[in-house]
N, C-alpha and C. Protein backbone atom coordinates (compact mmCIF):
# COMPACT_ATOMS: atom_id res chain seq x y z
N MET A 1 255.33 50.68 -1.93
CA MET A 1 256.22 51.82 -2.27
C MET A 1 257.51 51.25 -2.78
N LEU A 2 257.95 51.92 -3.92
CA LEU A 2 259.22 51.47 -4.59
C LEU A 2 260.12 52.66 -4.75
N GLY A 3 261.34 52.32 -4.98
CA GLY A 3 262.28 53.39 -5.45
C GLY A 3 262.42 54.56 -4.46
N ILE A 4 262.33 55.71 -5.04
CA ILE A 4 262.61 56.96 -4.19
C ILE A 4 261.61 57.09 -3.08
N ASN A 5 260.33 56.65 -3.36
CA ASN A 5 259.30 56.80 -2.31
C ASN A 5 259.64 55.97 -1.07
N ALA A 6 260.03 54.72 -1.30
CA ALA A 6 260.37 53.89 -0.13
C ALA A 6 261.59 54.43 0.58
N LEU A 7 262.64 54.89 -0.20
CA LEU A 7 263.81 55.52 0.45
C LEU A 7 263.50 56.72 1.21
N THR A 8 262.67 57.59 0.73
CA THR A 8 262.25 58.74 1.41
C THR A 8 261.55 58.49 2.69
N PHE A 9 260.61 57.42 2.69
CA PHE A 9 259.93 57.02 3.88
C PHE A 9 260.87 56.51 4.94
N LEU A 10 261.82 55.71 4.54
CA LEU A 10 262.82 55.17 5.49
C LEU A 10 263.74 56.24 6.04
N GLU A 11 264.08 57.19 5.22
CA GLU A 11 264.99 58.33 5.67
C GLU A 11 264.29 59.10 6.71
N LYS A 12 262.94 59.38 6.57
CA LYS A 12 262.16 60.08 7.54
C LYS A 12 262.07 59.37 8.86
N GLU A 13 262.27 58.00 8.77
CA GLU A 13 262.18 57.17 10.03
C GLU A 13 263.50 57.04 10.68
N GLY A 14 264.49 57.74 10.14
CA GLY A 14 265.81 57.77 10.80
C GLY A 14 266.75 56.73 10.30
N PHE A 15 266.44 56.00 9.20
CA PHE A 15 267.32 54.94 8.70
C PHE A 15 268.59 55.59 7.88
N PRO A 16 269.68 55.01 7.98
CA PRO A 16 270.92 55.53 7.18
C PRO A 16 270.75 55.13 5.71
N LEU A 17 270.77 56.03 4.79
CA LEU A 17 270.64 55.78 3.38
C LEU A 17 271.78 56.35 2.61
N LEU A 18 272.12 55.68 1.46
CA LEU A 18 272.98 56.30 0.46
C LEU A 18 272.29 57.52 -0.06
N LYS A 19 272.97 58.63 -0.25
CA LYS A 19 272.37 59.87 -0.74
C LYS A 19 271.73 59.60 -2.07
N SER A 20 270.46 60.00 -2.22
CA SER A 20 269.75 59.71 -3.47
C SER A 20 268.86 60.92 -3.79
N TYR A 21 268.69 61.08 -5.15
CA TYR A 21 267.83 62.10 -5.67
C TYR A 21 267.07 61.60 -6.85
N LEU A 22 265.89 62.02 -7.16
CA LEU A 22 265.17 61.70 -8.38
C LEU A 22 265.39 62.80 -9.47
N ALA A 23 265.89 62.43 -10.56
CA ALA A 23 266.14 63.38 -11.64
C ALA A 23 265.15 63.14 -12.82
N GLN A 24 264.72 64.34 -13.32
CA GLN A 24 263.72 64.32 -14.47
C GLN A 24 264.44 64.49 -15.86
N ASN A 25 265.64 64.98 -15.83
CA ASN A 25 266.44 65.18 -17.09
C ASN A 25 267.84 65.00 -16.88
N GLU A 26 268.64 64.92 -17.93
CA GLU A 26 270.07 64.61 -17.82
C GLU A 26 270.82 65.74 -17.17
N LYS A 27 270.35 67.03 -17.37
CA LYS A 27 271.05 68.18 -16.75
C LYS A 27 270.85 68.07 -15.20
N GLU A 28 269.64 67.68 -14.79
CA GLU A 28 269.40 67.55 -13.32
C GLU A 28 270.24 66.41 -12.80
N ALA A 29 270.36 65.27 -13.52
CA ALA A 29 271.11 64.17 -13.16
C ALA A 29 272.63 64.54 -12.97
N ALA A 30 273.13 65.29 -13.84
CA ALA A 30 274.52 65.69 -13.85
C ALA A 30 274.75 66.59 -12.64
N SER A 31 273.80 67.59 -12.33
CA SER A 31 273.91 68.47 -11.20
C SER A 31 273.87 67.74 -9.86
N ARG A 32 272.98 66.71 -9.81
CA ARG A 32 272.85 65.99 -8.55
C ARG A 32 274.09 65.08 -8.33
N SER A 33 274.64 64.54 -9.35
CA SER A 33 275.84 63.72 -9.30
C SER A 33 276.96 64.53 -8.75
N LEU A 34 277.11 65.74 -9.20
CA LEU A 34 278.23 66.59 -8.78
C LEU A 34 277.95 66.96 -7.24
N GLU A 35 276.81 67.10 -6.90
CA GLU A 35 276.36 67.41 -5.46
C GLU A 35 276.73 66.36 -4.60
N ILE A 36 276.39 65.04 -5.02
CA ILE A 36 276.58 63.78 -4.21
C ILE A 36 278.05 63.47 -4.15
N GLY A 37 278.78 63.62 -5.26
CA GLY A 37 280.14 63.24 -5.43
C GLY A 37 280.32 61.88 -6.10
N TYR A 38 281.21 61.84 -7.05
CA TYR A 38 281.45 60.59 -7.83
C TYR A 38 282.21 59.57 -7.00
N PRO A 39 282.05 58.26 -7.31
CA PRO A 39 281.15 57.69 -8.37
C PRO A 39 279.69 57.63 -7.88
N VAL A 40 278.86 57.55 -8.89
CA VAL A 40 277.38 57.42 -8.58
C VAL A 40 276.77 56.35 -9.41
N THR A 41 275.65 55.92 -8.98
CA THR A 41 274.78 54.88 -9.64
C THR A 41 273.53 55.63 -10.18
N LEU A 42 273.03 55.20 -11.35
CA LEU A 42 271.76 55.69 -11.90
C LEU A 42 270.88 54.47 -12.03
N LYS A 43 269.63 54.62 -11.66
CA LYS A 43 268.64 53.55 -11.84
C LYS A 43 267.26 54.01 -12.05
N ILE A 44 266.50 53.25 -12.79
CA ILE A 44 265.10 53.71 -13.04
C ILE A 44 264.31 53.76 -11.86
N SER A 45 263.31 54.66 -11.81
CA SER A 45 262.29 54.69 -10.81
C SER A 45 260.95 54.59 -11.40
N SER A 46 260.24 53.44 -11.22
CA SER A 46 259.02 53.14 -11.81
C SER A 46 258.14 52.35 -10.86
N PRO A 47 256.89 52.73 -10.67
CA PRO A 47 255.95 51.94 -9.81
C PRO A 47 255.65 50.57 -10.43
N ASP A 48 255.91 50.47 -11.72
CA ASP A 48 255.55 49.23 -12.48
C ASP A 48 256.74 48.27 -12.63
N MET A 49 257.90 48.61 -12.06
CA MET A 49 259.10 47.83 -12.22
C MET A 49 259.77 47.59 -10.94
N ILE A 50 259.63 46.40 -10.39
CA ILE A 50 260.21 45.97 -9.12
C ILE A 50 261.68 45.60 -9.21
N HIS A 51 262.05 44.79 -10.20
CA HIS A 51 263.36 44.20 -10.43
C HIS A 51 264.14 45.00 -11.44
N LYS A 52 264.91 46.06 -10.95
CA LYS A 52 265.57 46.89 -11.88
C LYS A 52 266.71 46.22 -12.65
N THR A 53 267.37 45.26 -12.01
CA THR A 53 268.44 44.57 -12.67
C THR A 53 267.97 43.75 -13.85
N GLU A 54 266.88 43.08 -13.62
CA GLU A 54 266.30 42.23 -14.70
C GLU A 54 265.85 43.08 -15.85
N ALA A 55 265.44 44.29 -15.56
CA ALA A 55 264.94 45.22 -16.62
C ALA A 55 266.18 45.97 -17.13
N ARG A 56 267.38 45.68 -16.77
CA ARG A 56 268.53 46.40 -17.24
C ARG A 56 268.39 47.88 -16.93
N GLY A 57 267.95 48.21 -15.73
CA GLY A 57 267.62 49.57 -15.35
C GLY A 57 268.59 50.15 -14.36
N ILE A 58 269.90 49.66 -14.34
CA ILE A 58 270.83 50.22 -13.50
C ILE A 58 272.19 50.43 -14.18
N ARG A 59 272.84 51.49 -13.90
CA ARG A 59 274.18 51.77 -14.39
C ARG A 59 275.08 52.19 -13.19
N VAL A 60 276.16 51.55 -13.00
CA VAL A 60 276.96 51.77 -11.76
C VAL A 60 278.35 52.27 -12.12
N SER A 61 278.98 52.84 -11.08
CA SER A 61 280.34 53.29 -11.06
C SER A 61 280.56 54.34 -12.15
N LEU A 62 279.59 55.34 -12.22
CA LEU A 62 279.71 56.38 -13.19
C LEU A 62 280.68 57.48 -12.60
N LYS A 63 281.68 57.83 -13.39
CA LYS A 63 282.79 58.68 -12.81
C LYS A 63 282.82 60.15 -13.14
N ASP A 64 281.99 60.59 -14.14
CA ASP A 64 281.99 61.97 -14.47
C ASP A 64 280.65 62.31 -15.14
N GLU A 65 280.53 63.64 -15.51
CA GLU A 65 279.25 64.10 -16.11
C GLU A 65 279.02 63.48 -17.44
N ILE A 66 279.99 63.23 -18.22
CA ILE A 66 279.78 62.61 -19.55
C ILE A 66 279.16 61.18 -19.34
N GLU A 67 279.67 60.43 -18.45
CA GLU A 67 279.16 59.14 -18.23
C GLU A 67 277.70 59.18 -17.65
N VAL A 68 277.48 60.09 -16.78
CA VAL A 68 276.09 60.30 -16.21
C VAL A 68 275.04 60.67 -17.28
N ARG A 69 275.44 61.65 -18.07
CA ARG A 69 274.48 62.06 -19.17
C ARG A 69 274.25 60.91 -20.11
N HIS A 70 275.24 60.21 -20.48
CA HIS A 70 275.12 59.03 -21.43
C HIS A 70 274.21 58.00 -20.83
N ALA A 71 274.46 57.71 -19.51
CA ALA A 71 273.74 56.63 -18.89
C ALA A 71 272.23 56.97 -18.70
N PHE A 72 272.01 58.28 -18.41
CA PHE A 72 270.65 58.80 -18.24
C PHE A 72 269.90 58.58 -19.56
N ARG A 73 270.42 59.03 -20.62
CA ARG A 73 269.79 58.88 -21.91
C ARG A 73 269.50 57.37 -22.33
N GLU A 74 270.57 56.61 -21.99
CA GLU A 74 270.46 55.17 -22.31
C GLU A 74 269.34 54.46 -21.50
N LEU A 75 269.24 54.80 -20.25
CA LEU A 75 268.14 54.24 -19.33
C LEU A 75 266.85 54.69 -19.82
N VAL A 76 266.62 55.91 -20.09
CA VAL A 76 265.31 56.40 -20.49
C VAL A 76 264.94 55.78 -21.85
N ASP A 77 265.82 55.83 -22.81
CA ASP A 77 265.56 55.22 -24.09
C ASP A 77 265.23 53.72 -24.02
N SER A 78 266.06 52.97 -23.24
CA SER A 78 265.84 51.56 -23.13
C SER A 78 264.50 51.23 -22.46
N PHE A 79 264.16 51.97 -21.38
CA PHE A 79 262.89 51.74 -20.70
C PHE A 79 261.66 52.07 -21.63
N SER A 80 261.75 53.20 -22.28
CA SER A 80 260.64 53.66 -23.15
C SER A 80 260.39 52.74 -24.32
N SER A 81 261.51 52.10 -24.86
CA SER A 81 261.33 51.19 -26.02
C SER A 81 260.93 49.85 -25.60
N SER A 82 261.48 49.36 -24.39
CA SER A 82 261.15 48.07 -23.85
C SER A 82 259.85 47.92 -23.22
N TYR A 83 259.44 49.04 -22.51
CA TYR A 83 258.20 48.96 -21.65
C TYR A 83 257.38 50.23 -21.96
N PRO A 84 256.92 50.38 -23.16
CA PRO A 84 256.08 51.55 -23.46
C PRO A 84 254.85 51.73 -22.68
N GLU A 85 254.29 50.66 -22.15
CA GLU A 85 253.08 50.73 -21.40
C GLU A 85 253.29 51.05 -19.92
N LYS A 86 254.51 51.05 -19.51
CA LYS A 86 254.87 51.34 -18.08
C LYS A 86 255.25 52.71 -17.82
N TRP A 87 254.96 53.11 -16.50
CA TRP A 87 255.20 54.48 -16.13
C TRP A 87 256.60 54.74 -15.56
N LEU A 88 257.32 55.75 -15.98
CA LEU A 88 258.66 56.07 -15.47
C LEU A 88 258.56 57.41 -14.76
N ASP A 89 258.89 57.31 -13.40
CA ASP A 89 258.88 58.49 -12.52
C ASP A 89 260.04 59.43 -12.85
N GLY A 90 261.14 58.83 -13.23
CA GLY A 90 262.36 59.49 -13.45
C GLY A 90 263.63 58.54 -13.27
N ILE A 91 264.76 59.09 -13.05
CA ILE A 91 265.96 58.28 -12.80
C ILE A 91 266.60 58.70 -11.42
N ILE A 92 266.79 57.69 -10.65
CA ILE A 92 267.42 57.86 -9.31
C ILE A 92 268.88 58.06 -9.48
N VAL A 93 269.44 59.09 -8.94
CA VAL A 93 270.87 59.32 -8.90
C VAL A 93 271.25 59.11 -7.49
N GLN A 94 272.24 58.18 -7.28
CA GLN A 94 272.55 57.72 -5.89
C GLN A 94 274.03 57.57 -5.77
N LYS A 95 274.50 57.90 -4.61
CA LYS A 95 275.96 57.66 -4.26
C LYS A 95 276.33 56.19 -4.45
N GLN A 96 277.43 55.88 -5.04
CA GLN A 96 277.75 54.49 -5.24
C GLN A 96 278.08 53.74 -3.97
N GLY A 97 277.35 52.67 -3.62
CA GLY A 97 277.59 51.95 -2.48
C GLY A 97 278.92 51.12 -2.55
N SER A 98 279.37 50.85 -1.34
CA SER A 98 280.61 49.96 -1.31
C SER A 98 280.57 49.17 0.04
N GLY A 99 281.32 48.04 0.04
CA GLY A 99 281.36 47.16 1.14
C GLY A 99 280.61 45.90 0.86
N ILE A 100 280.31 45.11 1.93
CA ILE A 100 279.61 43.89 1.76
C ILE A 100 278.09 44.12 1.75
N GLU A 101 277.39 43.41 0.89
CA GLU A 101 276.01 43.55 0.69
C GLU A 101 275.24 42.45 1.58
N VAL A 102 274.21 42.92 2.31
CA VAL A 102 273.34 42.02 3.05
C VAL A 102 271.88 42.49 2.72
N ILE A 103 270.98 41.61 3.10
CA ILE A 103 269.50 41.88 2.90
C ILE A 103 268.83 41.77 4.23
N VAL A 104 267.85 42.66 4.44
CA VAL A 104 266.98 42.67 5.61
C VAL A 104 265.57 42.77 5.16
N GLY A 105 264.68 41.95 5.70
CA GLY A 105 263.37 41.92 5.32
C GLY A 105 262.39 41.58 6.35
N MET A 106 261.04 41.81 6.07
CA MET A 106 260.04 41.38 7.00
C MET A 106 258.85 40.92 6.23
N LEU A 107 258.21 39.87 6.69
CA LEU A 107 256.87 39.50 6.12
C LEU A 107 256.08 39.06 7.31
N LYS A 108 254.83 39.04 7.16
CA LYS A 108 253.87 38.80 8.30
C LYS A 108 253.27 37.40 8.20
N ASP A 109 253.56 36.52 9.03
CA ASP A 109 253.00 35.19 9.07
C ASP A 109 251.64 35.27 9.70
N LEU A 110 250.70 34.46 9.08
CA LEU A 110 249.36 34.56 9.59
C LEU A 110 249.14 34.12 11.04
N GLN A 111 250.01 33.26 11.52
CA GLN A 111 249.89 32.69 12.85
C GLN A 111 250.72 33.48 13.79
N PHE A 112 252.01 33.80 13.41
CA PHE A 112 252.96 34.28 14.34
C PHE A 112 253.14 35.80 14.21
N GLY A 113 252.69 36.41 13.15
CA GLY A 113 252.91 37.82 13.04
C GLY A 113 254.12 38.24 12.29
N PRO A 114 254.74 39.37 12.49
CA PRO A 114 255.93 39.79 11.72
C PRO A 114 257.12 39.02 11.96
N VAL A 115 257.80 38.57 10.92
CA VAL A 115 259.05 37.82 11.06
C VAL A 115 260.19 38.58 10.33
N LEU A 116 261.31 38.68 11.08
CA LEU A 116 262.53 39.41 10.53
C LEU A 116 263.42 38.43 9.76
N MET A 117 263.91 38.83 8.67
CA MET A 117 264.79 38.03 7.83
C MET A 117 266.13 38.80 7.67
N PHE A 118 267.20 38.19 7.85
CA PHE A 118 268.55 38.75 7.61
C PHE A 118 269.46 37.71 6.88
N GLY A 119 270.24 38.23 5.89
CA GLY A 119 271.09 37.27 5.18
C GLY A 119 272.10 38.03 4.33
N LEU A 120 273.04 37.24 3.82
CA LEU A 120 274.06 37.79 2.94
C LEU A 120 273.39 38.24 1.60
N GLY A 121 273.76 39.28 0.98
CA GLY A 121 273.19 39.80 -0.26
C GLY A 121 274.16 39.51 -1.43
N GLY A 122 273.83 40.28 -2.51
CA GLY A 122 274.66 40.18 -3.72
C GLY A 122 274.53 38.79 -4.30
N VAL A 123 275.72 38.21 -4.65
CA VAL A 123 275.74 36.94 -5.39
C VAL A 123 275.39 35.79 -4.37
N PHE A 124 275.57 36.13 -3.08
CA PHE A 124 275.31 34.99 -2.11
C PHE A 124 273.91 34.77 -1.86
N VAL A 125 273.01 35.75 -2.05
CA VAL A 125 271.63 35.46 -1.72
C VAL A 125 271.02 34.38 -2.54
N GLU A 126 271.37 34.28 -3.77
CA GLU A 126 270.84 33.20 -4.61
C GLU A 126 271.72 31.96 -4.53
N ALA A 127 273.02 32.12 -4.55
CA ALA A 127 273.87 30.99 -4.52
C ALA A 127 273.83 30.16 -3.24
N MET A 128 273.71 30.88 -2.07
CA MET A 128 273.80 30.22 -0.82
C MET A 128 272.44 30.01 -0.07
N LYS A 129 271.53 30.86 -0.49
CA LYS A 129 270.25 30.87 0.29
C LYS A 129 270.50 31.03 1.77
N ASP A 130 271.35 31.90 2.16
CA ASP A 130 271.94 32.01 3.43
C ASP A 130 271.21 33.04 4.28
N VAL A 131 270.14 32.64 4.95
CA VAL A 131 269.29 33.64 5.75
C VAL A 131 269.02 33.07 7.11
N SER A 132 268.69 33.97 8.04
CA SER A 132 268.21 33.60 9.32
C SER A 132 266.91 34.38 9.66
N PHE A 133 266.07 33.82 10.55
CA PHE A 133 264.80 34.38 10.83
C PHE A 133 264.60 34.51 12.35
N ARG A 134 263.83 35.51 12.78
CA ARG A 134 263.35 35.71 14.14
C ARG A 134 261.97 36.35 14.17
N LEU A 135 261.19 36.07 15.22
CA LEU A 135 259.96 36.73 15.40
C LEU A 135 260.27 38.11 15.94
N ILE A 136 259.48 39.09 15.51
CA ILE A 136 259.67 40.47 15.93
C ILE A 136 258.70 40.68 17.16
N PRO A 137 259.16 41.33 18.25
CA PRO A 137 260.43 42.12 18.36
C PRO A 137 261.55 41.20 18.72
N ILE A 138 262.75 41.74 18.37
CA ILE A 138 264.00 41.04 18.77
C ILE A 138 264.74 41.84 19.79
N ASN A 139 265.74 41.19 20.48
CA ASN A 139 266.57 41.94 21.39
C ASN A 139 268.10 41.88 20.85
N ALA A 140 268.91 42.37 21.58
CA ALA A 140 270.42 42.46 21.20
C ALA A 140 270.92 41.09 20.93
N SER A 141 270.64 40.16 21.78
CA SER A 141 271.06 38.75 21.64
C SER A 141 270.58 38.11 20.38
N ASP A 142 269.33 38.37 20.02
CA ASP A 142 268.72 37.80 18.85
C ASP A 142 269.50 38.39 17.63
N ALA A 143 269.82 39.74 17.64
CA ALA A 143 270.48 40.31 16.50
C ALA A 143 271.84 39.68 16.24
N LYS A 144 272.56 39.46 17.37
CA LYS A 144 273.86 38.85 17.33
C LYS A 144 273.81 37.41 16.76
N ASP A 145 272.82 36.70 17.34
CA ASP A 145 272.61 35.26 16.93
C ASP A 145 272.25 35.12 15.40
N MET A 146 271.45 36.07 14.94
CA MET A 146 271.01 35.99 13.54
C MET A 146 272.24 36.14 12.55
N MET A 147 273.29 36.92 12.99
CA MET A 147 274.45 37.03 12.13
C MET A 147 275.21 35.72 12.24
N GLU A 148 275.46 35.32 13.46
CA GLU A 148 276.31 34.06 13.73
C GLU A 148 275.76 32.80 13.13
N GLU A 149 274.50 32.80 12.90
CA GLU A 149 273.81 31.58 12.36
C GLU A 149 274.10 31.43 10.93
N LEU A 150 274.46 32.45 10.22
CA LEU A 150 274.74 32.43 8.76
C LEU A 150 275.89 31.50 8.43
N LYS A 151 275.77 30.70 7.36
CA LYS A 151 276.84 29.86 7.01
C LYS A 151 278.03 30.76 6.54
N GLY A 152 277.69 31.87 6.03
CA GLY A 152 278.70 32.80 5.53
C GLY A 152 279.14 33.87 6.51
N TYR A 153 278.96 33.52 7.83
CA TYR A 153 279.35 34.52 8.82
C TYR A 153 280.80 34.97 8.74
N ASP A 154 281.65 34.04 8.33
CA ASP A 154 283.10 34.36 8.25
C ASP A 154 283.29 35.46 7.20
N ILE A 155 282.41 35.55 6.15
CA ILE A 155 282.56 36.61 5.17
C ILE A 155 282.36 37.98 5.83
N LEU A 156 281.47 38.03 6.81
CA LEU A 156 281.29 39.29 7.54
C LEU A 156 282.40 39.53 8.55
N ARG A 157 282.87 38.43 9.13
CA ARG A 157 283.87 38.57 10.25
C ARG A 157 285.22 38.78 9.68
N ARG A 158 285.53 38.26 8.53
CA ARG A 158 286.91 38.34 8.04
C ARG A 158 286.96 38.88 6.62
N SER A 159 286.48 40.09 6.45
CA SER A 159 286.53 40.69 5.10
C SER A 159 287.98 40.99 4.72
N ARG A 160 288.23 40.83 3.39
CA ARG A 160 289.53 41.13 2.94
C ARG A 160 289.94 42.62 3.13
N SER A 161 288.93 43.48 3.15
CA SER A 161 289.25 44.88 3.28
C SER A 161 289.44 45.32 4.71
N GLY A 162 289.28 44.44 5.62
CA GLY A 162 289.49 44.78 7.03
C GLY A 162 288.21 44.46 7.83
N PRO A 163 288.25 44.78 9.16
CA PRO A 163 287.15 44.57 10.01
C PRO A 163 285.92 45.20 9.55
N ILE A 164 284.74 44.41 9.51
CA ILE A 164 283.44 44.98 9.13
C ILE A 164 282.74 45.49 10.37
N ASP A 165 281.83 46.47 10.21
CA ASP A 165 281.15 47.07 11.33
C ASP A 165 280.02 46.22 11.77
N LEU A 166 280.36 45.13 12.39
CA LEU A 166 279.29 44.17 12.92
C LEU A 166 278.41 44.85 13.97
N PRO A 167 278.90 45.71 14.93
CA PRO A 167 278.01 46.31 15.78
C PRO A 167 276.91 47.21 15.09
N ALA A 168 277.28 47.74 13.96
CA ALA A 168 276.31 48.57 13.23
C ALA A 168 275.19 47.72 12.65
N ILE A 169 275.49 46.49 12.27
CA ILE A 169 274.50 45.54 11.75
C ILE A 169 273.54 45.20 12.89
N GLU A 170 274.01 44.93 14.10
CA GLU A 170 273.22 44.66 15.29
C GLU A 170 272.31 45.82 15.55
N ASP A 171 272.82 47.03 15.52
CA ASP A 171 272.04 48.21 15.80
C ASP A 171 270.92 48.43 14.71
N PHE A 172 271.28 48.16 13.50
CA PHE A 172 270.32 48.27 12.43
C PHE A 172 269.15 47.31 12.56
N LEU A 173 269.48 46.02 12.92
CA LEU A 173 268.42 45.07 13.08
C LEU A 173 267.49 45.35 14.24
N LEU A 174 268.01 46.00 15.29
CA LEU A 174 267.26 46.37 16.39
C LEU A 174 266.34 47.57 16.03
N GLN A 175 266.88 48.52 15.31
CA GLN A 175 266.22 49.61 14.78
C GLN A 175 265.04 49.21 13.83
N PHE A 176 265.36 48.28 13.01
CA PHE A 176 264.38 47.71 12.06
C PHE A 176 263.23 47.05 12.84
N SER A 177 263.52 46.31 13.84
CA SER A 177 262.54 45.64 14.63
C SER A 177 261.61 46.60 15.32
N ARG A 178 262.17 47.66 15.85
CA ARG A 178 261.38 48.78 16.52
C ARG A 178 260.45 49.47 15.48
N PHE A 179 261.00 49.70 14.42
CA PHE A 179 260.28 50.31 13.29
C PHE A 179 259.02 49.46 12.93
N ILE A 180 259.18 48.13 12.78
CA ILE A 180 258.04 47.29 12.43
C ILE A 180 256.97 47.34 13.55
N VAL A 181 257.46 47.27 14.83
CA VAL A 181 256.48 47.30 15.87
C VAL A 181 255.68 48.64 15.86
N LEU A 182 256.33 49.76 15.55
CA LEU A 182 255.65 51.00 15.57
C LEU A 182 254.82 51.27 14.34
N HIS A 183 255.04 50.45 13.29
CA HIS A 183 254.30 50.66 12.03
C HIS A 183 253.52 49.36 11.60
N PRO A 184 252.44 49.01 12.31
CA PRO A 184 251.70 47.76 11.91
C PRO A 184 251.12 47.84 10.56
N GLU A 185 251.07 49.06 9.95
CA GLU A 185 250.51 49.08 8.58
C GLU A 185 251.43 48.56 7.57
N VAL A 186 252.72 48.39 7.89
CA VAL A 186 253.70 47.82 6.93
C VAL A 186 253.42 46.29 6.94
N LYS A 187 253.10 45.91 5.74
CA LYS A 187 252.82 44.44 5.51
C LYS A 187 254.00 43.61 5.16
N GLU A 188 254.86 44.25 4.44
CA GLU A 188 256.11 43.54 3.93
C GLU A 188 257.10 44.59 3.57
N ILE A 189 258.39 44.28 3.84
CA ILE A 189 259.45 45.18 3.45
C ILE A 189 260.75 44.37 3.05
N ASP A 190 261.41 44.93 2.07
CA ASP A 190 262.56 44.26 1.56
C ASP A 190 263.66 45.29 1.40
N ILE A 191 264.70 45.27 2.11
CA ILE A 191 265.89 46.18 1.96
C ILE A 191 266.96 45.31 1.32
N ASN A 192 267.36 45.67 0.10
CA ASN A 192 268.32 44.90 -0.65
C ASN A 192 268.88 45.74 -1.80
N PRO A 193 270.16 46.05 -1.67
CA PRO A 193 271.10 45.61 -0.65
C PRO A 193 271.18 46.71 0.41
N LEU A 194 271.75 46.19 1.57
CA LEU A 194 272.17 47.14 2.68
C LEU A 194 273.72 46.95 2.64
N PHE A 195 274.41 48.09 2.50
CA PHE A 195 275.88 48.02 2.45
C PHE A 195 276.48 48.16 3.82
N ILE A 196 277.46 47.32 4.13
CA ILE A 196 278.20 47.37 5.38
C ILE A 196 279.72 47.51 5.01
N SER A 197 280.27 48.46 5.65
CA SER A 197 281.74 48.68 5.28
C SER A 197 282.62 48.58 6.56
N SER A 198 283.69 49.37 6.62
CA SER A 198 284.69 49.15 7.64
C SER A 198 284.14 49.55 9.06
N LEU A 199 284.79 49.00 10.01
CA LEU A 199 284.42 49.26 11.42
C LEU A 199 284.36 50.72 11.68
N GLY A 200 283.21 51.18 12.15
CA GLY A 200 283.00 52.59 12.52
C GLY A 200 282.30 53.32 11.43
N SER A 201 282.07 52.72 10.27
CA SER A 201 281.50 53.41 9.15
C SER A 201 279.99 53.27 9.02
N GLY A 202 279.49 52.35 9.87
CA GLY A 202 278.01 52.06 9.85
C GLY A 202 277.55 51.35 8.68
N VAL A 203 276.24 51.51 8.35
CA VAL A 203 275.63 50.80 7.27
C VAL A 203 274.84 51.79 6.46
N GLN A 204 274.45 51.48 5.20
CA GLN A 204 273.65 52.37 4.35
C GLN A 204 272.74 51.55 3.46
N ILE A 205 271.48 51.96 3.47
CA ILE A 205 270.50 51.36 2.62
C ILE A 205 270.71 51.81 1.15
N CYS A 206 270.74 50.86 0.26
CA CYS A 206 270.77 51.19 -1.22
C CYS A 206 269.42 51.21 -1.90
N ASP A 207 268.61 50.16 -1.61
CA ASP A 207 267.32 50.11 -2.25
C ASP A 207 266.39 49.37 -1.29
N ALA A 208 265.09 49.68 -1.53
CA ALA A 208 264.00 49.10 -0.61
C ALA A 208 262.71 48.98 -1.40
N ARG A 209 261.90 48.05 -0.85
CA ARG A 209 260.57 47.92 -1.40
C ARG A 209 259.58 47.65 -0.14
N ILE A 210 258.56 48.43 -0.13
CA ILE A 210 257.65 48.33 1.00
C ILE A 210 256.20 48.20 0.56
N LYS A 211 255.50 47.21 1.17
CA LYS A 211 254.08 47.05 1.00
C LYS A 211 253.35 47.50 2.27
N VAL A 212 252.30 48.32 2.05
CA VAL A 212 251.57 48.68 3.31
C VAL A 212 250.13 48.32 3.13
N VAL A 213 249.37 48.12 4.32
CA VAL A 213 247.97 47.80 4.21
C VAL A 213 247.26 49.04 3.84
N LYS A 214 246.39 48.89 2.89
CA LYS A 214 245.56 50.03 2.43
C LYS A 214 244.28 50.09 3.08
C-alpha cells in the first residue's frame, strides 16, 4: 500500500496523521486545500511510484488557491510526460508538516521476527545513518532507550524552536509495536517522515509505505 491507501489504513488504526485528501482535478484540490487550511503540500499518488521526491512529485508550502492550481497542473503534466506507462491515482492534498522529521519502520527478520527501527529523518537519515533497532514487542523503557541511543539525540532534546514532545514519540513507538503484534499480515512498513513538534503537540504521520502478505 502506498500513498493515500496506506494513510487511510493507518488512520483507521488510530494513528495521528496530517490531514490528507485525494484530489482528481485542480478544482477539488483547491477546495480541499481551503478545507485543510494553508499552507498545504501536493504530491502524486501512484501505485507505481514509491519515491515521490526522486520523481519530482512533491510541491510544498503552497499558500493560496493560485499556487495549488498551478502545482496540480504541473504535477499531473510532469508525471504524464515522464511516466506515460505508469498509473496516476490522483494528487494528494495534505496539510503542511512542521517540526523535526523522524522515521519509524518495521521489517521481519527470518530468525527473530519483526524488528522496529527508529531514527532521525530528513537530511539526517542519509547523512548520519542514525537509527536504532529493537525486537517487537517493545516496552516503555525500550522506546526511551531507542531515542537516547541516537547520535543525534540532542537534536530531539534541544530543538531551536523549544522543547520537543519526546513523550509523544515514546507513545507512538509503543502504539506502533502493538499495531505490528496485532497485524501479522504486515510484512514491512516505512513511516517517513513522522513530524514531531513542540511539547504537547504530539506527532503526525506525513507519508507511509506498507507491504502486506497476500
